[in-house]
C-alpha atoms as a PDB file:
ATOM      1  CA  PHE A   1     128.533 171.585 161.696  1.00  0.00           C
ATOM      2  CA  ALA A   2     128.490 167.870 162.308  1.00  0.00           C
ATOM      3  CA  ARG A   3     124.766 167.282 161.892  1.00  0.00           C
ATOM      4  CA  TYR A   4     123.021 166.538 158.603  1.00  0.00           C
ATOM      5  CA  PRO A   5     121.359 169.808 157.463  1.00  0.00           C
ATOM      6  CA  LEU A   6     117.815 168.445 157.620  1.00  0.00           C
ATOM      7  CA  LYS A   7     118.300 167.529 161.303  1.00  0.00           C
ATOM      8  CA  TYR A   8     117.986 171.256 162.084  1.00  0.00           C
ATOM      9  CA  PRO A   9     114.398 172.524 162.430  1.00  0.00           C
ATOM     10  CA  PRO A  10     112.942 174.521 159.550  1.00  0.00           C
ATOM     11  CA  ARG A  11     113.013 178.300 159.929  1.00  0.00           C
ATOM     12  CA  PHE A  12     111.191 180.849 157.839  1.00  0.00           C
ATOM     13  CA  VAL A  13     111.629 184.454 156.702  1.00  0.00           C
ATOM     14  CA  ARG A  14     108.770 186.727 155.748  1.00  0.00           C
ATOM     15  CA  GLY A  15     106.429 184.157 157.263  1.00  0.00           C
ATOM     16  CA  ASP A  16     106.315 181.632 154.448  1.00  0.00           C
ATOM     17  CA  VAL A  17     109.751 181.242 152.827  1.00  0.00           C
ATOM     18  CA  GLU A  18     111.915 178.554 154.402  1.00  0.00           C
ATOM     19  CA  ILE A  19     115.626 179.273 154.890  1.00  0.00           C
ATOM     20  CA  CYS A  20     117.726 176.703 153.018  1.00  0.00           C
ATOM     21  CA  ARG A  21     119.393 174.399 155.532  1.00  0.00           C
ATOM     22  CA  PHE A  22     121.767 172.868 152.984  1.00  0.00           C
ATOM     23  CA  HIS A  23     123.019 176.323 151.989  1.00  0.00           C
ATOM     24  CA  ASN A  24     123.595 177.173 155.644  1.00  0.00           C
ATOM     25  CA  TYR A  25     124.988 173.938 157.106  1.00  0.00           C
ATOM     26  CA  SER A  26     126.441 171.757 154.342  1.00  0.00           C
ATOM     27  CA  ALA A  27     130.113 172.174 153.490  1.00  0.00           C
ATOM     28  CA  ASP A  28     129.174 171.610 149.833  1.00  0.00           C
ATOM     29  CA  GLY A  29     126.487 174.284 149.892  1.00  0.00           C
ATOM     30  CA  CYS A  30     122.989 173.892 148.474  1.00  0.00           C
ATOM     31  CA  ILE A  31     122.632 170.548 146.717  1.00  0.00           C
ATOM     32  CA  ARG A  32     119.431 171.695 144.991  1.00  0.00           C
ATOM     33  CA  ARG A  33     121.234 174.578 143.285  1.00  0.00           C
ATOM     34  CA  LYS A  34     124.075 172.296 142.237  1.00  0.00           C
ATOM     35  CA  LYS A  35     121.842 169.507 140.986  1.00  0.00           C
ATOM     36  CA  PHE A  36     118.901 171.430 139.482  1.00  0.00           C
ATOM     37  CA  GLY A  37     120.315 174.938 139.006  1.00  0.00           C
ATOM     38  CA  MET A  38     117.704 176.465 141.334  1.00  0.00           C
ATOM     39  CA  CYS A  39     116.357 176.231 144.865  1.00  0.00           C
ATOM     40  CA  MET A  40     113.003 177.504 146.097  1.00  0.00           C
ATOM     41  CA  PHE A  41     114.351 178.216 149.588  1.00  0.00           C
ATOM     42  CA  ASP A  42     115.937 181.429 150.918  1.00  0.00           C
ATOM     43  CA  HIS A  43     119.725 181.717 150.508  1.00  0.00           C
ATOM     44  CA  GLU A  44     120.122 185.242 151.859  1.00  0.00           C
ATOM     45  CA  HIS A  45     119.431 184.740 155.570  1.00  0.00           C
ATOM     46  CA  CYS A  46     121.346 182.878 158.230  1.00  0.00           C
ATOM     47  CA  HIS A  47     119.418 179.840 159.418  1.00  0.00           C
ATOM     48  CA  TRP A  48     120.959 180.133 162.900  1.00  0.00           C
ATOM     49  CA  CYS A  49     120.250 183.777 163.788  1.00  0.00           C
ATOM     50  CA  GLY A  50     117.924 184.896 160.977  1.00  0.00           C
ATOM     51  CA  GLU A  51     120.069 187.882 160.002  1.00  0.00           C
ATOM     52  CA  HIS A  52     120.607 188.810 156.366  1.00  0.00           C
ATOM     53  CA  GLY A  53     123.954 188.499 154.618  1.00  0.00           C
ATOM     54  CA  HIS A  54     125.718 185.415 155.967  1.00  0.00           C
ATOM     55  CA  ARG A  55     125.341 181.649 156.347  1.00  0.00           C
ATOM     56  CA  ALA A  56     125.288 179.648 159.570  1.00  0.00           C
ATOM     57  CA  TRP A  57     128.869 178.566 158.721  1.00  0.00           C
ATOM     58  CA  GLU A  58     129.947 182.190 159.151  1.00  0.00           C
ATOM     59  CA  CYS A  59     127.564 183.194 161.973  1.00  0.00           C
ATOM     60  CA  GLU A  60     129.309 184.475 165.098  1.00  0.00           C
ATOM     61  CA  HIS A  61     126.279 183.453 167.191  1.00  0.00           C
ATOM     62  CA  ALA A  62     126.527 179.851 165.927  1.00  0.00           C
ATOM     63  CA  VAL A  63     130.268 179.721 166.593  1.00  0.00           C
ATOM     64  CA  THR A  64     129.782 181.047 170.145  1.00  0.00           C
ATOM     65  CA  ALA A  65     126.994 178.541 170.811  1.00  0.00           C
ATOM     66  CA  HIS A  66     129.122 175.693 169.473  1.00  0.00           C
ATOM     67  CA  GLN A  67     132.125 176.671 171.592  1.00  0.00           C
ATOM     68  CA  SER A  68     130.033 176.904 174.757  1.00  0.00           C
ATOM     69  CA  ALA A  69     128.441 173.496 174.063  1.00  0.00           C
ATOM     70  CA  VAL A  70     131.741 171.638 173.611  1.00  0.00           C
ATOM     71  CA  VAL A  71     132.827 169.900 176.785  1.00  0.00           C
ATOM     72  CA  ASP A  72     136.496 169.020 176.883  1.00  0.00           C
ATOM     73  CA  ASP A  73     136.912 167.765 180.453  1.00  0.00           C
ATOM     74  CA  GLY A  74     135.998 164.221 179.472  1.00  0.00           C
ATOM     75  CA  LEU A  75     134.073 161.726 181.504  1.00  0.00           C
ATOM     76  CA  ALA A  76     134.934 160.677 185.022  1.00  0.00           C
ATOM     77  CA  PRO A  77     136.317 157.130 185.254  1.00  0.00           C
ATOM     78  CA  ALA A  78     133.729 154.512 186.038  1.00  0.00           C
ATOM     79  CA  ALA A  79     133.725 152.569 189.266  1.00  0.00           C
ATOM     80  CA  ALA A  80     135.134 149.055 189.206  1.00  0.00           C
ATOM     81  CA  PRO A  81     132.489 146.428 188.521  1.00  0.00           C
ATOM     82  CA  VAL A  82     131.145 144.581 191.539  1.00  0.00           C
ATOM     83  CA  ARG A  83     130.290 140.888 191.260  1.00  0.00           C
ATOM     84  CA  ASP A  84     127.002 139.766 192.750  1.00  0.00           C
ATOM     85  CA  PRO A  85     127.870 137.030 195.278  1.00  0.00           C
ATOM     86  CA  ASN A  86     124.528 135.357 194.565  1.00  0.00           C
ATOM     87  CA  ASP A  87     124.897 134.976 190.790  1.00  0.00           C
ATOM     88  CA  GLY A  88     126.117 131.376 190.929  1.00  0.00           C
ATOM     89  CA  THR A  89     129.609 131.991 189.594  1.00  0.00           C
ATOM     90  CA  ALA A  90     131.586 131.791 192.821  1.00  0.00           C
ATOM     91  CA  ASN A  91     135.075 130.302 192.323  1.00  0.00           C
ATOM     92  CA  GLY A  92     134.588 130.245 188.554  1.00  0.00           C
ATOM     93  CA  VAL A  93     131.996 127.453 188.722  1.00  0.00           C
ATOM     94  CA  ALA A  94     128.808 128.212 186.814  1.00  0.00           C
ATOM     95  CA  ASN A  95     125.500 126.709 187.929  1.00  0.00           C
ATOM     96  CA  GLY A  96     127.209 124.191 190.202  1.00  0.00           C
ATOM     97  CA  THR A  97     128.896 122.294 187.344  1.00  0.00           C
ATOM     98  CA  ALA A  98     132.496 121.519 188.064  1.00  0.00           C
ATOM     99  CA  SER A  99     133.086 119.304 185.038  1.00  0.00           C
ATOM    100  CA  GLY A 100     134.731 121.914 182.823  1.00  0.00           C
ATOM    101  CA  GLY A 101     133.540 123.115 179.454  1.00  0.00           C
ATOM    102  CA  VAL A 102     130.535 125.329 179.040  1.00  0.00           C
ATOM    103  CA  ASP A 103     127.994 124.127 181.599  1.00  0.00           C
ATOM    104  CA  GLY A 104     129.336 120.594 181.107  1.00  0.00           C
ATOM    105  CA  LEU A 105     128.456 120.513 177.396  1.00  0.00           C
ATOM    106  CA  ALA A 106     131.971 120.053 176.061  1.00  0.00           C
ATOM    107  CA  ASN A 107     132.213 116.536 177.470  1.00  0.00           C
ATOM    108  CA  GLY A 108     128.991 115.490 175.714  1.00  0.00           C
ATOM    109  CA  ILE A 109     130.218 116.881 172.403  1.00  0.00           C
ATOM    110  CA  ASP A 110     133.574 115.129 172.702  1.00  0.00           C
ATOM    111  CA  ASP A 111     131.899 111.797 173.557  1.00  0.00           C
ATOM    112  CA  GLY A 112     129.536 112.126 170.598  1.00  0.00           C
ATOM    113  CA  LEU A 113     132.339 112.760 168.139  1.00  0.00           C
ATOM    114  CA  ALA A 114     134.420 109.921 169.465  1.00  0.00           C
ATOM    115  CA  ASN A 115     131.537 107.493 169.058  1.00  0.00           C
ATOM    116  CA  GLY A 116     130.986 108.536 165.416  1.00  0.00           C
ATOM    117  CA  ILE A 117     127.582 110.050 165.981  1.00  0.00           C
END
């Protein structure tokens, strides 16, 4: 599972006990059990299907859902971009300035440096 365990919605067994998402979805298992030696959430039910005895990692329903959700045809190639003839960049000239540089600014910068400003 590629998602962070807490990105899955909480699910409950017996009405009030939440199924541990880290135990079900994390490759490292339940971080609460590892860090604190205990976890107050249920570790006996699958978070995906709710059945007893396996984790979501081992759930055949989760595997089937994942396989049906994976799209491997890829995206269709995009159309070539179309230039707007009214954007002011016809013939590579921007805003009617034909003096070179960026909007004619390069000449002003060069002149300023040459004059010691």
